[in-house]
C-alpha atoms as a PDB file:
ATOM      1  CA  UNK A   1       0.000   0.000   0.000  1.00  0.00           C
ATOM      2  CA  UNK A   2       1.404   3.458  -0.907  1.00  0.00           C
ATOM      3  CA  UNK A   3       2.623   5.462   2.076  1.00  0.00           C
ATOM      4  CA  UNK A   4       0.485   8.481   1.089  1.00  0.00           C
ATOM      5  CA  UNK A   5      -2.651   6.310   1.261  1.00  0.00           C
ATOM      6  CA  UNK A   6      -1.651   5.106   4.732  1.00  0.00           C
ATOM      7  CA  UNK A   7      -1.261   8.688   5.923  1.00  0.00           C
ATOM      8  CA  UNK A   8      -4.604   9.627   4.375  1.00  0.00           C
ATOM      9  CA  UNK A   9      -6.364   6.802   6.202  1.00  0.00           C
ATOM     10  CA  UNK A  10      -4.719   7.696   9.496  1.00  0.00           C
ATOM     11  CA  UNK A  11      -6.141  11.205   9.163  1.00  0.00           C
ATOM     12  CA  UNK A  12      -9.451  10.220   7.617  1.00  0.00           C
ATOM     13  CA  UNK A  13     -11.452  10.580  10.830  1.00  0.00           C
ATOM     14  CA  UNK A  14     -14.739   8.687  10.851  1.00  0.00           C
ATOM     15  CA  UNK A  15     -14.044   6.429   7.837  1.00  0.00           C
ATOM     16  CA  UNK A  16     -13.387   3.039   9.376  1.00  0.00           C
ATOM     17  CA  UNK A  17     -14.281  -0.578   8.768  1.00  0.00           C
ATOM     18  CA  UNK A  18     -14.375  -3.516  11.152  1.00  0.00           C
ATOM     19  CA  UNK A  19     -12.447  -6.772  11.203  1.00  0.00           C
ATOM     20  CA  UNK A  20     -13.059 -10.059  12.999  1.00  0.00           C
ATOM     21  CA  UNK A  21     -10.730 -13.039  12.649  1.00  0.00           C
ATOM     22  CA  UNK A  22     -11.468 -16.707  13.262  1.00  0.00           C
ATOM     23  CA  UNK A  23      -8.627 -19.218  13.551  1.00  0.00           C
ATOM     24  CA  UNK A  24      -9.138 -22.967  13.185  1.00  0.00           C
ATOM     25  CA  UNK A  25      -6.992 -26.064  12.831  1.00  0.00           C
ATOM     26  CA  UNK A  26      -6.718 -27.533   9.333  1.00  0.00           C
ATOM     27  CA  UNK A  27      -7.449 -30.904  10.924  1.00  0.00           C
ATOM     28  CA  UNK A  28     -11.081 -31.102  11.924  1.00  0.00           C
ATOM     29  CA  UNK A  29     -11.630 -27.315  11.854  1.00  0.00           C
ATOM     30  CA  UNK A  30     -11.099 -27.144  15.609  1.00  0.00           C
ATOM     31  CA  UNK A  31     -10.847 -23.624  17.073  1.00  0.00           C
ATOM     32  CA  UNK A  32      -7.321 -22.469  17.903  1.00  0.00           C
ATOM     33  CA  UNK A  33      -7.440 -20.870  21.340  1.00  0.00           C
ATOM     34  CA  UNK A  34      -5.108 -18.084  22.502  1.00  0.00           C
ATOM     35  CA  UNK A  35      -3.474 -17.550  19.126  1.00  0.00           C
ATOM     36  CA  UNK A  36      -1.487 -14.304  18.907  1.00  0.00           C
ATOM     37  CA  UNK A  37      -2.477 -12.092  15.982  1.00  0.00           C
ATOM     38  CA  UNK A  38      -0.523  -9.060  14.806  1.00  0.00           C
ATOM     39  CA  UNK A  39      -2.048  -6.623  12.314  1.00  0.00           C
ATOM     40  CA  UNK A  40      -0.090  -4.167  10.203  1.00  0.00           C
ATOM     41  CA  UNK A  41      -0.622  -2.074   7.089  1.00  0.00           C
ATOM     42  CA  UNK A  42       0.231  -3.908   3.885  1.00  0.00           C
ATOM     43  CA  UNK A  43       3.577  -2.549   2.735  1.00  0.00           C
ATOM     44  CA  UNK A  44       4.617  -1.826   6.329  1.00  0.00           C
ATOM     45  CA  UNK A  45       4.739  -5.306   7.927  1.00  0.00           C
ATOM     46  CA  UNK A  46       7.110  -4.204  10.710  1.00  0.00           C
ATOM     47  CA  UNK A  47       4.733  -1.495  11.952  1.00  0.00           C
ATOM     48  CA  UNK A  48       2.236  -3.381  14.136  1.00  0.00           C
ATOM     49  CA  UNK A  49      -0.959  -1.392  14.763  1.00  0.00           C
ATOM     50  CA  UNK A  50      -3.014  -4.028  16.628  1.00  0.00           C
ATOM     51  CA  UNK A  51      -2.267  -7.186  18.608  1.00  0.00           C
ATOM     52  CA  UNK A  52      -5.119  -9.598  19.401  1.00  0.00           C
ATOM     53  CA  UNK A  53      -5.695 -13.023  20.906  1.00  0.00           C
ATOM     54  CA  UNK A  54      -8.332 -15.589  20.034  1.00  0.00           C
ATOM     55  CA  UNK A  55     -10.890 -16.740  22.605  1.00  0.00           C
ATOM     56  CA  UNK A  56     -12.077 -20.261  23.399  1.00  0.00           C
ATOM     57  CA  UNK A  57     -13.998 -20.278  20.095  1.00  0.00           C
ATOM     58  CA  UNK A  58     -10.889 -19.339  18.110  1.00  0.00           C
ATOM     59  CA  UNK A  59     -12.260 -15.863  17.377  1.00  0.00           C
ATOM     60  CA  UNK A  60     -11.067 -12.341  18.054  1.00  0.00           C
ATOM     61  CA  UNK A  61     -13.094  -9.356  19.109  1.00  0.00           C
ATOM     62  CA  UNK A  62     -14.236  -6.941  16.408  1.00  0.00           C
ATOM     63  CA  UNK A  63     -11.815  -4.084  15.893  1.00  0.00           C
ATOM     64  CA  UNK A  64     -12.124  -0.851  13.926  1.00  0.00           C
ATOM     65  CA  UNK A  65      -9.476  -0.067  11.310  1.00  0.00           C
ATOM     66  CA  UNK A  66      -8.969   3.003   9.110  1.00  0.00           C
ATOM     67  CA  UNK A  67     -10.415   2.815   5.595  1.00  0.00           C
ATOM     68  CA  UNK A  68     -10.838   5.118   2.590  1.00  0.00           C
ATOM     69  CA  UNK A  69     -14.018   7.232   2.280  1.00  0.00           C
ATOM     70  CA  UNK A  70     -17.293   5.452   1.492  1.00  0.00           C
ATOM     71  CA  UNK A  71     -17.818   7.272  -1.799  1.00  0.00           C
ATOM     72  CA  UNK A  72     -14.732   5.622  -3.316  1.00  0.00           C
ATOM     73  CA  UNK A  73     -16.639   2.321  -3.558  1.00  0.00           C
ATOM     74  CA  UNK A  74     -19.720   3.934  -5.105  1.00  0.00           C
ATOM     75  CA  UNK A  75     -18.199   5.366  -8.268  1.00  0.00           C
ATOM     76  CA  UNK A  76     -16.357   3.449 -11.034  1.00  0.00           C
ATOM     77  CA  UNK A  77     -12.776   4.549 -11.545  1.00  0.00           C
ATOM     78  CA  UNK A  78     -12.387   6.153  -8.112  1.00  0.00           C
ATOM     79  CA  UNK A  79      -9.340   5.720  -5.904  1.00  0.00           C
ATOM     80  CA  UNK A  80      -8.792   2.409  -4.128  1.00  0.00           C
ATOM     81  CA  UNK A  81     -11.957   1.980  -2.027  1.00  0.00           C
ATOM     82  CA  UNK A  82     -10.546  -0.364   0.589  1.00  0.00           C
ATOM     83  CA  UNK A  83      -7.512  -0.463   2.842  1.00  0.00           C
ATOM     84  CA  UNK A  84      -5.245  -3.535   2.961  1.00  0.00           C
ATOM     85  CA  UNK A  85      -3.723  -5.160   6.011  1.00  0.00           C
ATOM     86  CA  UNK A  86      -1.319  -7.960   6.867  1.00  0.00           C
ATOM     87  CA  UNK A  87      -2.342 -10.488   9.505  1.00  0.00           C
ATOM     88  CA  UNK A  88       0.314 -12.609  11.242  1.00  0.00           C
ATOM     89  CA  UNK A  89      -0.880 -15.523  13.359  1.00  0.00           C
ATOM     90  CA  UNK A  90       1.130 -17.641  15.790  1.00  0.00           C
ATOM     91  CA  UNK A  91      -0.059 -20.333  18.191  1.00  0.00           C
ATOM     92  CA  UNK A  92       1.705 -23.055  20.205  1.00  0.00           C
ATOM     93  CA  UNK A  93       1.780 -26.323  18.290  1.00  0.00           C
ATOM     94  CA  UNK A  94       0.939 -24.739  14.917  1.00  0.00           C
ATOM     95  CA  UNK A  95       2.869 -23.434  11.937  1.00  0.00           C
ATOM     96  CA  UNK A  96       2.683 -19.625  11.717  1.00  0.00           C
ATOM     97  CA  UNK A  97       0.504 -18.064   9.023  1.00  0.00           C
ATOM     98  CA  UNK A  98       0.699 -14.723   7.244  1.00  0.00           C
ATOM     99  CA  UNK A  99      -2.321 -13.348   5.331  1.00  0.00           C
ATOM    100  CA  UNK A 100      -1.382 -10.373   3.165  1.00  0.00           C
ATOM    101  CA  UNK A 101      -4.000  -8.086   1.656  1.00  0.00           C
ATOM    102  CA  UNK A 102      -7.073  -8.431   3.873  1.00  0.00           C
ATOM    103  CA  UNK A 103      -9.451  -5.768   2.550  1.00  0.00           C
ATOM    104  CA  UNK A 104     -11.321  -3.372   4.837  1.00  0.00           C
ATOM    105  CA  UNK A 105     -14.204  -1.324   3.433  1.00  0.00           C
ATOM    106  CA  UNK A 106     -15.797   1.550   5.371  1.00  0.00           C
ATOM    107  CA  UNK A 107     -18.904   0.836   7.473  1.00  0.00           C
ATOM    108  CA  UNK A 108     -18.521  -2.912   6.822  1.00  0.00           C
ATOM    109  CA  UNK A 109     -17.457  -5.961   8.803  1.00  0.00           C
ATOM    110  CA  UNK A 110     -14.742  -8.111   7.219  1.00  0.00           C
ATOM    111  CA  UNK A 111     -14.635 -11.731   8.415  1.00  0.00           C
ATOM    112  CA  UNK A 112     -11.195 -13.268   7.904  1.00  0.00           C
ATOM    113  CA  UNK A 113     -10.999 -17.061   8.415  1.00  0.00           C
ATOM    114  CA  UNK A 114      -7.519 -18.522   8.878  1.00  0.00           C
ATOM    115  CA  UNK A 115      -6.532 -22.187   9.027  1.00  0.00           C
ATOM    116  CA  UNK A 116      -3.345 -23.302  10.796  1.00  0.00           C
ATOM    117  CA  UNK A 117      -1.445 -26.536  10.228  1.00  0.00           C
ATOM    118  CA  UNK A 118      -0.475 -28.425  13.412  1.00  0.00           C
ATOM    119  CA  UNK A 119       3.168 -29.338  13.904  1.00  0.00           C
ATOM    120  CA  UNK A 120       4.656 -32.143  15.978  1.00  0.00           C
ATOM    121  CA  UNK A 121       7.895 -30.800  17.427  1.00  0.00           C
ATOM    122  CA  UNK A 122       9.778 -28.397  15.185  1.00  0.00           C
ATOM    123  CA  UNK A 123       8.471 -25.003  14.141  1.00  0.00           C
ATOM    124  CA  UNK A 124       7.542 -25.086  10.476  1.00  0.00           C
ATOM    125  CA  UNK A 125       8.038 -22.462   7.821  1.00  0.00           C
ATOM    126  CA  UNK A 126       5.553 -19.600   7.877  1.00  0.00           C
ATOM    127  CA  UNK A 127       2.731 -20.028   5.366  1.00  0.00           C
ATOM    128  CA  UNK A 128       1.995 -16.858   3.378  1.00  0.00           C
ATOM    129  CA  UNK A 129      -1.412 -16.281   1.802  1.00  0.00           C
ATOM    130  CA  UNK A 130      -1.672 -13.299  -0.566  1.00  0.00           C
ATOM    131  CA  UNK A 131      -5.122 -11.881  -1.319  1.00  0.00           C
ATOM    132  CA  UNK A 132      -5.093 -10.286  -4.803  1.00  0.00           C
ATOM    133  CA  UNK A 133      -6.700  -6.952  -5.698  1.00  0.00           C
ATOM    134  CA  UNK A 134     -10.479  -6.900  -5.902  1.00  0.00           C
ATOM    135  CA  UNK A 135     -11.622  -7.488  -9.491  1.00  0.00           C
ATOM    136  CA  UNK A 136     -13.475  -4.141  -9.517  1.00  0.00           C
ATOM    137  CA  UNK A 137     -10.233  -2.306  -8.736  1.00  0.00           C
ATOM    138  CA  UNK A 138      -7.270  -4.385  -9.911  1.00  0.00           C
ATOM    139  CA  UNK A 139      -6.032  -4.735 -13.480  1.00  0.00           C
ATOM    140  CA  UNK A 140      -6.948  -8.141 -14.870  1.00  0.00           C
ATOM    141  CA  UNK A 141      -7.131  -9.556 -18.415  1.00  0.00           C
ATOM    142  CA  UNK A 142     -10.514  -8.930 -20.052  1.00  0.00           C
ATOM    143  CA  UNK A 143     -13.018 -11.739 -19.919  1.00  0.00           C
ATOM    144  CA  UNK A 144     -13.104 -14.019 -22.933  1.00  0.00           C
ATOM    145  CA  UNK A 145     -15.980 -12.868 -25.193  1.00  0.00           C
ATOM    146  CA  UNK A 146     -18.801 -15.352 -25.622  1.00  0.00           C
ATOM    147  CA  UNK A 147     -21.774 -15.566 -27.950  1.00  0.00           C
ATOM    148  CA  UNK A 148     -24.978 -14.396 -26.296  1.00  0.00           C
ATOM    149  CA  UNK A 149     -26.847 -17.289 -27.905  1.00  0.00           C
ATOM    150  CA  UNK A 150     -24.985 -20.574 -27.971  1.00  0.00           C
ATOM    151  CA  UNK A 151     -25.794 -23.458 -30.317  1.00  0.00           C
ATOM    152  CA  UNK A 152     -27.478 -26.372 -28.604  1.00  0.00           C
ATOM    153  CA  UNK A 153     -26.959 -30.008 -29.586  1.00  0.00           C
ATOM    154  CA  UNK A 154     -30.047 -31.875 -30.701  1.00  0.00           C
ATOM    155  CA  UNK A 155     -29.314 -34.762 -28.366  1.00  0.00           C
ATOM    156  CA  UNK A 156     -28.081 -35.047 -24.827  1.00  0.00           C
ATOM    157  CA  UNK A 157     -29.945 -32.010 -23.509  1.00  0.00           C
ATOM    158  CA  UNK A 158     -31.463 -32.051 -20.044  1.00  0.00           C
ATOM    159  CA  UNK A 159     -34.743 -30.244 -19.408  1.00  0.00           C
ATOM    160  CA  UNK A 160     -35.568 -30.087 -15.725  1.00  0.00           C
ATOM    161  CA  UNK A 161     -39.057 -29.585 -14.315  1.00  0.00           C
ATOM    162  CA  UNK A 162     -37.655 -27.431 -11.521  1.00  0.00           C
ATOM    163  CA  UNK A 163     -34.471 -25.663 -10.515  1.00  0.00           C
ATOM    164  CA  UNK A 164     -32.001 -28.097  -8.941  1.00  0.00           C
ATOM    165  CA  UNK A 165     -29.109 -26.668  -6.932  1.00  0.00           C
ATOM    166  CA  UNK A 166     -26.006 -28.886  -7.295  1.00  0.00           C
ATOM    167  CA  UNK A 167     -23.809 -29.642  -4.321  1.00  0.00           C
ATOM    168  CA  UNK A 168     -20.638 -29.129  -6.373  1.00  0.00           C
ATOM    169  CA  UNK A 169     -19.659 -27.272  -9.551  1.00  0.00           C
ATOM    170  CA  UNK A 170     -16.627 -27.920 -11.732  1.00  0.00           C
ATOM    171  CA  UNK A 171     -14.173 -25.012 -11.997  1.00  0.00           C
ATOM    172  CA  UNK A 172     -11.744 -25.155 -14.928  1.00  0.00           C
ATOM    173  CA  UNK A 173      -8.463 -23.520 -13.860  1.00  0.00           C
ATOM    174  CA  UNK A 174      -7.563 -22.064 -17.243  1.00  0.00           C
ATOM    175  CA  UNK A 175      -9.023 -20.800 -20.502  1.00  0.00           C
ATOM    176  CA  UNK A 176     -11.697 -23.053 -22.035  1.00  0.00           C
ATOM    177  CA  UNK A 177      -9.403 -24.143 -24.882  1.00  0.00           C
ATOM    178  CA  UNK A 178      -6.666 -25.338 -22.495  1.00  0.00           C
ATOM    179  CA  UNK A 179      -7.400 -29.029 -22.011  1.00  0.00           C
ATOM    180  CA  UNK A 180      -4.306 -29.443 -19.817  1.00  0.00           C
ATOM    181  CA  UNK A 181      -5.631 -27.095 -17.112  1.00  0.00           C
ATOM    182  CA  UNK A 182      -6.988 -28.971 -14.078  1.00  0.00           C
ATOM    183  CA  UNK A 183     -10.639 -29.114 -13.067  1.00  0.00           C
ATOM    184  CA  UNK A 184     -11.637 -28.650  -9.433  1.00  0.00           C
ATOM    185  CA  UNK A 185     -14.851 -29.695  -7.725  1.00  0.00           C
ATOM    186  CA  UNK A 186     -15.970 -26.768  -5.569  1.00  0.00           C
ATOM    187  CA  UNK A 187     -19.030 -26.668  -3.333  1.00  0.00           C
ATOM    188  CA  UNK A 188     -21.727 -24.601  -5.022  1.00  0.00           C
ATOM    189  CA  UNK A 189     -22.272 -22.369  -1.969  1.00  0.00           C
ATOM    190  CA  UNK A 190     -18.537 -21.726  -1.604  1.00  0.00           C
ATOM    191  CA  UNK A 191     -18.234 -20.922  -5.309  1.00  0.00           C
ATOM    192  CA  UNK A 192     -21.065 -18.372  -5.165  1.00  0.00           C
ATOM    193  CA  UNK A 193     -19.602 -16.772  -2.021  1.00  0.00           C
ATOM    194  CA  UNK A 194     -16.119 -16.536  -3.550  1.00  0.00           C
ATOM    195  CA  UNK A 195     -17.369 -15.004  -6.800  1.00  0.00           C
ATOM    196  CA  UNK A 196     -19.624 -12.559  -4.953  1.00  0.00           C
ATOM    197  CA  UNK A 197     -16.847 -11.385  -2.627  1.00  0.00           C
ATOM    198  CA  UNK A 198     -14.616 -10.793  -5.668  1.00  0.00           C
ATOM    199  CA  UNK A 199     -17.185  -8.879  -7.739  1.00  0.00           C
ATOM    200  CA  UNK A 200     -19.221  -6.945  -5.163  1.00  0.00           C
ATOM    201  CA  UNK A 201     -18.344  -4.304  -2.584  1.00  0.00           C
ATOM    202  CA  UNK A 202     -20.017  -4.790   0.799  1.00  0.00           C
ATOM    203  CA  UNK A 203     -20.722  -1.037   0.891  1.00  0.00           C
ATOM    204  CA  UNK A 204     -23.259  -1.235  -1.937  1.00  0.00           C
ATOM    205  CA  UNK A 205     -26.999  -0.901  -1.201  1.00  0.00           C
ATOM    206  CA  UNK A 206     -28.545  -4.153  -0.002  1.00  0.00           C
ATOM    207  CA  UNK A 207     -30.786  -4.516  -3.067  1.00  0.00           C
ATOM    208  CA  UNK A 208     -27.783  -4.107  -5.373  1.00  0.00           C
ATOM    209  CA  UNK A 209     -25.970  -6.899  -3.530  1.00  0.00           C
ATOM    210  CA  UNK A 210     -29.020  -9.177  -3.785  1.00  0.00           C
ATOM    211  CA  UNK A 211     -29.393  -8.455  -7.509  1.00  0.00           C
ATOM    212  CA  UNK A 212     -25.735  -9.193  -8.238  1.00  0.00           C
ATOM    213  CA  UNK A 213     -25.760 -12.447  -6.267  1.00  0.00           C
ATOM    214  CA  UNK A 214     -28.920 -13.604  -8.073  1.00  0.00           C
ATOM    215  CA  UNK A 215     -27.216 -12.840 -11.391  1.00  0.00           C
ATOM    216  CA  UNK A 216     -24.146 -14.851 -10.339  1.00  0.00           C
ATOM    217  CA  UNK A 217     -26.344 -17.773  -9.288  1.00  0.00           C
ATOM    218  CA  UNK A 218     -28.308 -17.634 -12.549  1.00  0.00           C
ATOM    219  CA  UNK A 219     -25.204 -17.615 -14.742  1.00  0.00           C
ATOM    220  CA  UNK A 220     -23.619 -20.431 -12.727  1.00  0.00           C
ATOM    221  CA  UNK A 221     -26.673 -22.686 -12.906  1.00  0.00           C
ATOM    222  CA  UNK A 222     -27.077 -21.981 -16.613  1.00  0.00           C
ATOM    223  CA  UNK A 223     -23.510 -23.056 -17.293  1.00  0.00           C
ATOM    224  CA  UNK A 224     -23.817 -26.109 -15.060  1.00  0.00           C
ATOM    225  CA  UNK A 225     -26.796 -27.501 -16.957  1.00  0.00           C
ATOM    226  CA  UNK A 226     -25.981 -26.340 -20.502  1.00  0.00           C
ATOM    227  CA  UNK A 227     -22.235 -26.987 -20.542  1.00  0.00           C
ATOM    228  CA  UNK A 228     -21.238 -29.418 -17.800  1.00  0.00           C
ATOM    229  CA  UNK A 229     -24.069 -31.944 -17.873  1.00  0.00           C
ATOM    230  CA  UNK A 230     -24.212 -31.784 -21.664  1.00  0.00           C
ATOM    231  CA  UNK A 231     -20.635 -33.063 -21.852  1.00  0.00           C
ATOM    232  CA  UNK A 232     -20.734 -35.868 -19.306  1.00  0.00           C
END
C-alpha cells in the first residue's frame, strides 16, 4: 500500500471498517485458542498497529481499522476503495501463518478465516497467503468474449421440471481451450460466495448486492446444466 494512502487513512477521521478473525486447525476445523495475531498495514509489515488473541472459540473481538471514504466504492474509476492489512498468526503447536492483503471497506465488517497446520515438534516455515486486488479495482485480463446465444446439440440435452441446486460445480483452472488445465470440484455455496466477494463491494446498497448475487447464481446454474451436464 502506498505510504500516502496510509497517511490519508490515518487522518481520515470517521471512515473506518471492522475486522473479525477466526482461527481454526486444518485438521477437523477445531478452534485455535489463545493464538497471537498481529495486524499491520500492507507494505509496512514491521509497523504493528493491533495485537489480538483468540478466545475459546478461536475468534477475536471486532476491531475498527482506518479505511478510505465510502464514496470511493460507489463510483467506477475512483481511488482504491478499501484499505489492505497484513495479519500474522502464531499459536503453540501450529505453523505460523501470514495473510497479506485483507481488505477493509468503510462501514462494513470483514470476516477473515484462517486455518493453521499443526506441527509435531519443530516449528515449520511460515505459510503466506496473498489476497489479490479486488476485481473491480485491480487490473486483470478482459473476460473471454462469448456468444450471447450458444448453439445447442439436438441430443443429450437435459430439461428439468424445476431448478435443482447442485452440491458441487466444476471449476476449470484455465481458458476453455486449455485441455491441460486442471478441473476442481468446488461446493456450489462456496463458489457463489467466492465469486460474490470478488465482484461486489459490501458497501453497496442491499438490493444491489441481492441483484448481483442472483445474477451470479443464474449464470452459474445456466452453465452447469448447458455446458457441464451436456458433456458428461
